[in-house]
Amino acid sequence: MSTGILYIVATPIGNLGDLTFRALETLKKADLIVCEDTRNTKKLLDKYAIATPLACFYKKGGKGAIKPGLASEFVIANLRNGKNVALVTDAGTPGISDPGNLLVEKAIENQIPVIPIPGASALTALASVSGIDLSKFVFLGFPPHKKGRMTFIADIFKSNYPVIIYESKYRILKLLKELSGYSGEKRINLIIGRELTKMYEEIIKGDVETVIKYFLENKQKNLGEFTVIIYK
């Protein structure tokens, strides 16, 4: 019996209409979909009448760590038995700022084919409308919540290229103030994408002080999911 295929499927980051035809076909034909949160993924499956069985692969563990909720061995066993498995995350492309790479690593170790099904990504969505030179940039993912956070901020300022990061609604204002404090007299410019592809999508541009003022004066704008480009 030949092994199955592990498909890494990008899903919409907000607007469900952004699912590609190839992703739709892959999700329909897969024997199993493993996801981050079954409630979120089910909304997508319901919209497109996808009846493929669904299981949670990601699970938050102790002290905020993220661990596979469904053991990699279980997924690998399905793949070895000839089942095709699609891995998705809540939004965007699996393996970017989430532990999807752990399953991919296991699949590669077991000589199981891994095929990417590309699509939406908050990183590339904001980069495409930035209007600045991003032929070279650094992507750092999410800043640590506490330990190592200021080292992370320092690394941003060490870069000779624009830096792209993600940040949550709970810490976006904190991030802006940290950037302001670290930059000192240096001018730091930002491009922030909030709720990209969703109803309240917004792109904010300006130096760090202007952006802080904007968020302080429009506190309801502090809600959502944020992608941030930092450049000098």
Protein backbone atom coordinates (compact mmCIF):
# COMPACT_ATOMS: atom_id res chain seq x y z
CA MET A 1 0.00 0.00 0.00
CA SER A 2 1.36 3.43 -0.93
CA THR A 3 1.47 6.15 1.68
CA GLY A 4 -0.94 9.05 1.66
CA ILE A 5 -0.06 12.68 1.06
CA LEU A 6 0.12 15.47 3.63
CA TYR A 7 -1.30 18.65 2.10
CA ILE A 8 -0.44 22.00 3.73
CA VAL A 9 -3.49 24.07 2.84
CA ALA A 10 -3.67 27.85 3.14
CA THR A 11 -7.12 29.11 4.14
CA PRO A 12 -8.59 32.65 4.15
CA ILE A 13 -7.26 35.11 6.72
CA GLY A 14 -10.71 36.69 7.04
CA ASN A 15 -12.80 36.84 3.90
CA LEU A 16 -13.98 33.27 3.22
CA GLY A 17 -14.19 34.10 -0.48
CA ASP A 18 -10.39 34.01 -0.65
CA LEU A 19 -10.27 30.20 -0.58
CA THR A 20 -8.59 29.03 -3.80
CA PHE A 21 -10.19 26.48 -6.15
CA ARG A 22 -7.28 24.13 -5.55
CA ALA A 23 -7.62 24.41 -1.76
CA LEU A 24 -11.36 23.73 -2.02
CA GLU A 25 -10.77 20.62 -4.12
CA THR A 26 -8.04 19.40 -1.77
CA LEU A 27 -10.18 19.81 1.35
CA LYS A 28 -13.08 17.97 -0.29
CA LYS A 29 -10.98 15.03 -1.44
CA ALA A 30 -8.86 14.62 1.71
CA ASP A 31 -9.64 11.72 4.04
CA LEU A 32 -8.99 13.87 7.12
CA ILE A 33 -8.53 17.57 7.90
CA VAL A 34 -6.47 18.44 10.96
CA CYS A 35 -6.89 21.99 12.18
CA GLU A 36 -6.15 24.48 14.93
CA ASP A 37 -9.69 25.07 16.23
CA THR A 38 -12.52 22.92 14.92
CA ARG A 39 -15.06 25.71 15.54
CA ASN A 40 -13.25 28.14 13.25
CA THR A 41 -12.52 25.62 10.51
CA LYS A 42 -16.09 24.31 10.56
CA LYS A 43 -17.35 27.74 9.48
CA LEU A 44 -15.23 27.44 6.35
CA LEU A 45 -16.24 23.82 5.72
CA ASP A 46 -19.94 24.64 6.16
CA LYS A 47 -19.75 27.53 3.70
CA TYR A 48 -18.37 25.27 0.99
CA ALA A 49 -20.34 22.13 1.96
CA ILE A 50 -17.17 20.18 2.75
CA ALA A 51 -17.98 16.97 4.62
CA THR A 52 -14.42 15.72 5.26
CA PRO A 53 -13.85 14.51 8.85
CA LEU A 54 -12.24 17.14 11.06
CA ALA A 55 -9.91 16.83 14.04
CA CYS A 56 -7.92 19.24 16.20
CA PHE A 57 -4.14 18.99 15.88
CA TYR A 58 -3.17 22.05 17.94
CA LYS A 59 -3.84 22.43 21.66
CA LYS A 60 -2.74 24.98 24.23
CA GLY A 61 -0.81 23.33 27.01
CA GLY A 62 0.48 24.48 30.36
CA LYS A 63 2.12 27.87 30.76
CA GLY A 64 0.87 29.06 27.40
CA ALA A 65 2.84 26.48 25.41
CA ILE A 66 1.23 25.11 22.28
CA LYS A 67 1.37 21.38 21.84
CA PRO A 68 -0.28 19.04 19.33
CA GLY A 69 -3.69 18.08 20.68
CA LEU A 70 -3.79 15.12 18.34
CA ALA A 71 -0.48 13.24 18.47
CA SER A 72 1.64 13.48 15.33
CA GLU A 73 1.94 9.70 15.48
CA PHE A 74 -1.82 9.39 14.92
CA VAL A 75 -1.67 11.57 11.81
CA ILE A 76 1.45 9.80 10.53
CA ALA A 77 -0.26 6.43 11.05
CA ASN A 78 -3.18 7.59 8.88
CA LEU A 79 -0.77 8.75 6.20
CA ARG A 80 1.13 5.45 6.31
CA ASN A 81 -2.17 3.65 5.82
CA GLY A 82 -2.73 5.51 2.57
CA LYS A 83 -4.98 8.29 3.89
CA ASN A 84 -4.57 11.79 2.50
CA VAL A 85 -4.47 14.44 5.24
CA ALA A 86 -4.95 18.20 4.88
CA LEU A 87 -3.40 20.46 7.54
CA VAL A 88 -4.99 23.89 8.02
CA THR A 89 -4.67 26.64 10.59
CA ASP A 90 -7.28 29.13 11.80
CA ALA A 91 -6.24 31.65 9.16
CA GLY A 92 -3.59 31.82 6.47
CA THR A 93 -0.78 29.40 5.79
CA PRO A 94 0.09 26.60 8.27
CA GLY A 95 3.64 26.44 9.58
CA ILE A 96 4.07 30.21 9.77
CA SER A 97 4.00 31.31 13.41
CA ASP A 98 2.26 28.09 14.44
CA PRO A 99 3.44 24.54 15.23
CA GLY A 100 2.35 23.05 11.89
CA ASN A 101 6.02 22.61 11.02
CA LEU A 102 6.25 19.87 13.69
CA LEU A 103 3.90 17.65 11.70
CA VAL A 104 5.67 18.47 8.45
CA GLU A 105 8.99 17.50 10.05
CA LYS A 106 7.53 14.15 11.16
CA ALA A 107 6.14 13.50 7.69
CA ILE A 108 9.50 14.22 6.06
CA GLU A 109 11.24 11.92 8.56
CA ASN A 110 8.82 9.16 7.53
CA GLN A 111 9.34 9.83 3.81
CA ILE A 112 5.72 10.90 3.38
CA PRO A 113 5.07 13.33 0.50
CA VAL A 114 4.24 16.88 1.64
CA ILE A 115 2.55 19.18 -0.87
CA PRO A 116 1.88 22.91 -0.32
CA ILE A 117 -1.46 24.35 -1.42
CA PRO A 118 -0.63 28.09 -1.32
CA GLY A 119 -3.04 30.90 -0.71
CA ALA A 120 -3.80 33.73 1.68
CA SER A 121 -1.16 35.13 4.04
CA ALA A 122 -1.41 38.28 6.16
CA LEU A 123 2.31 38.85 5.66
CA THR A 124 2.17 38.97 1.85
CA ALA A 125 -1.20 40.74 1.81
CA LEU A 126 0.18 43.74 3.71
CA ALA A 127 3.52 43.67 1.90
CA SER A 128 1.72 43.90 -1.46
CA VAL A 129 0.08 47.23 -0.55
CA SER A 130 2.95 48.71 1.48
CA GLY A 131 4.33 50.92 -1.27
CA ILE A 132 7.89 50.44 0.01
CA ASP A 133 10.79 48.33 -1.27
CA LEU A 134 10.33 44.85 0.18
CA SER A 135 12.62 42.98 -2.18
CA LYS A 136 14.41 42.13 1.07
CA PHE A 137 12.76 41.97 4.50
CA VAL A 138 12.92 40.11 7.81
CA PHE A 139 9.92 38.25 9.23
CA LEU A 140 10.01 37.69 13.01
CA GLY A 141 6.52 36.37 13.75
CA PHE A 142 4.89 37.21 17.09
CA PRO A 143 6.88 38.98 19.84
CA PRO A 144 7.16 37.01 23.11
CA HIS A 145 4.55 38.06 25.65
CA LYS A 146 7.02 38.61 28.50
CA LYS A 147 10.42 36.87 28.69
CA GLY A 148 12.64 37.86 25.80
CA ARG A 149 10.31 40.60 24.57
CA MET A 150 12.82 43.45 24.80
CA THR A 151 15.49 41.32 23.14
CA PHE A 152 12.98 40.78 20.34
CA ILE A 153 12.44 44.56 20.07
CA ALA A 154 16.21 45.10 19.99
CA ASP A 155 16.52 42.62 17.12
CA ILE A 156 14.05 44.69 15.10
CA PHE A 157 16.33 47.72 15.36
CA LYS A 158 19.40 45.69 14.43
CA SER A 159 17.93 44.79 11.05
CA ASN A 160 19.13 46.61 7.94
CA TYR A 161 15.89 45.68 6.21
CA PRO A 162 12.19 46.30 6.90
CA VAL A 163 10.83 43.95 9.57
CA ILE A 164 7.39 42.34 9.45
CA ILE A 165 5.78 40.99 12.62
CA TYR A 166 2.38 39.92 13.93
CA GLU A 167 0.81 41.26 17.12
CA SER A 168 -2.43 40.65 18.99
CA LYS A 169 -5.07 43.23 19.90
CA TYR A 170 -4.10 42.82 23.56
CA ARG A 171 -0.55 44.07 23.02
CA ILE A 172 -0.60 46.30 19.94
CA LEU A 173 -0.48 49.57 21.90
CA LYS A 174 2.18 48.13 24.21
CA LEU A 175 4.24 47.22 21.14
CA LEU A 176 3.96 50.72 19.69
CA LYS A 177 5.11 52.29 22.95
CA GLU A 178 8.03 49.85 23.19
CA LEU A 179 9.11 50.73 19.65
CA SER A 180 8.87 54.42 20.48
CA GLY A 181 10.89 54.03 23.67
CA TYR A 182 13.62 52.00 22.01
CA SER A 183 13.95 54.20 18.93
CA GLY A 184 14.79 57.33 20.93
CA GLU A 185 15.42 60.21 18.52
CA LYS A 186 15.50 57.95 15.46
CA ARG A 187 12.50 58.15 13.12
CA ILE A 188 10.73 54.81 12.84
CA ASN A 189 7.98 54.33 10.26
CA LEU A 190 5.15 51.83 10.44
CA ILE A 191 2.59 50.25 8.16
CA ILE A 192 -0.08 48.41 10.12
CA GLY A 193 -2.71 46.14 8.63
CA ARG A 194 -5.71 45.62 10.88
CA GLU A 195 -8.39 43.01 10.16
CA LEU A 196 -7.00 42.38 6.67
CA THR A 197 -9.63 41.14 4.16
CA LYS A 198 -12.41 41.57 6.76
CA MET A 199 -15.25 44.08 6.97
CA TYR A 200 -13.29 46.55 9.08
CA GLU A 201 -10.01 46.22 7.21
CA GLU A 202 -7.74 49.19 7.76
CA ILE A 203 -4.19 50.11 6.80
CA ILE A 204 -2.48 52.75 8.94
CA LYS A 205 0.79 54.43 7.90
CA GLY A 206 3.05 56.92 9.65
CA ASP A 207 5.91 57.36 12.06
CA VAL A 208 5.57 55.59 15.39
CA GLU A 209 4.43 58.67 17.34
CA THR A 210 1.71 59.49 14.79
CA VAL A 211 0.44 55.91 14.90
CA ILE A 212 0.40 55.85 18.72
CA LYS A 213 -1.64 59.05 18.72
CA TYR A 214 -4.06 57.54 16.21
CA PHE A 215 -4.67 54.46 18.36
CA LEU A 216 -5.04 56.47 21.55
CA GLU A 217 -7.64 58.71 19.90
CA ASN A 218 -9.47 55.79 18.29
CA LYS A 219 -9.42 53.13 20.98
CA GLN A 220 -11.97 50.97 19.19
CA LYS A 221 -9.32 50.56 16.49
CA ASN A 222 -7.20 48.57 18.95
CA LEU A 223 -9.36 45.53 18.20
CA GLY A 224 -8.59 42.89 15.62
CA GLU A 225 -5.59 41.08 14.22
CA PHE A 226 -2.50 43.09 13.35
CA THR A 227 0.33 42.74 10.87
CA VAL A 228 3.07 45.36 11.30
CA ILE A 229 5.84 46.51 8.96
CA ILE A 230 8.62 48.49 10.67
CA TYR A 231 11.13 50.42 8.56
CA LYS A 232 13.52 53.35 8.85
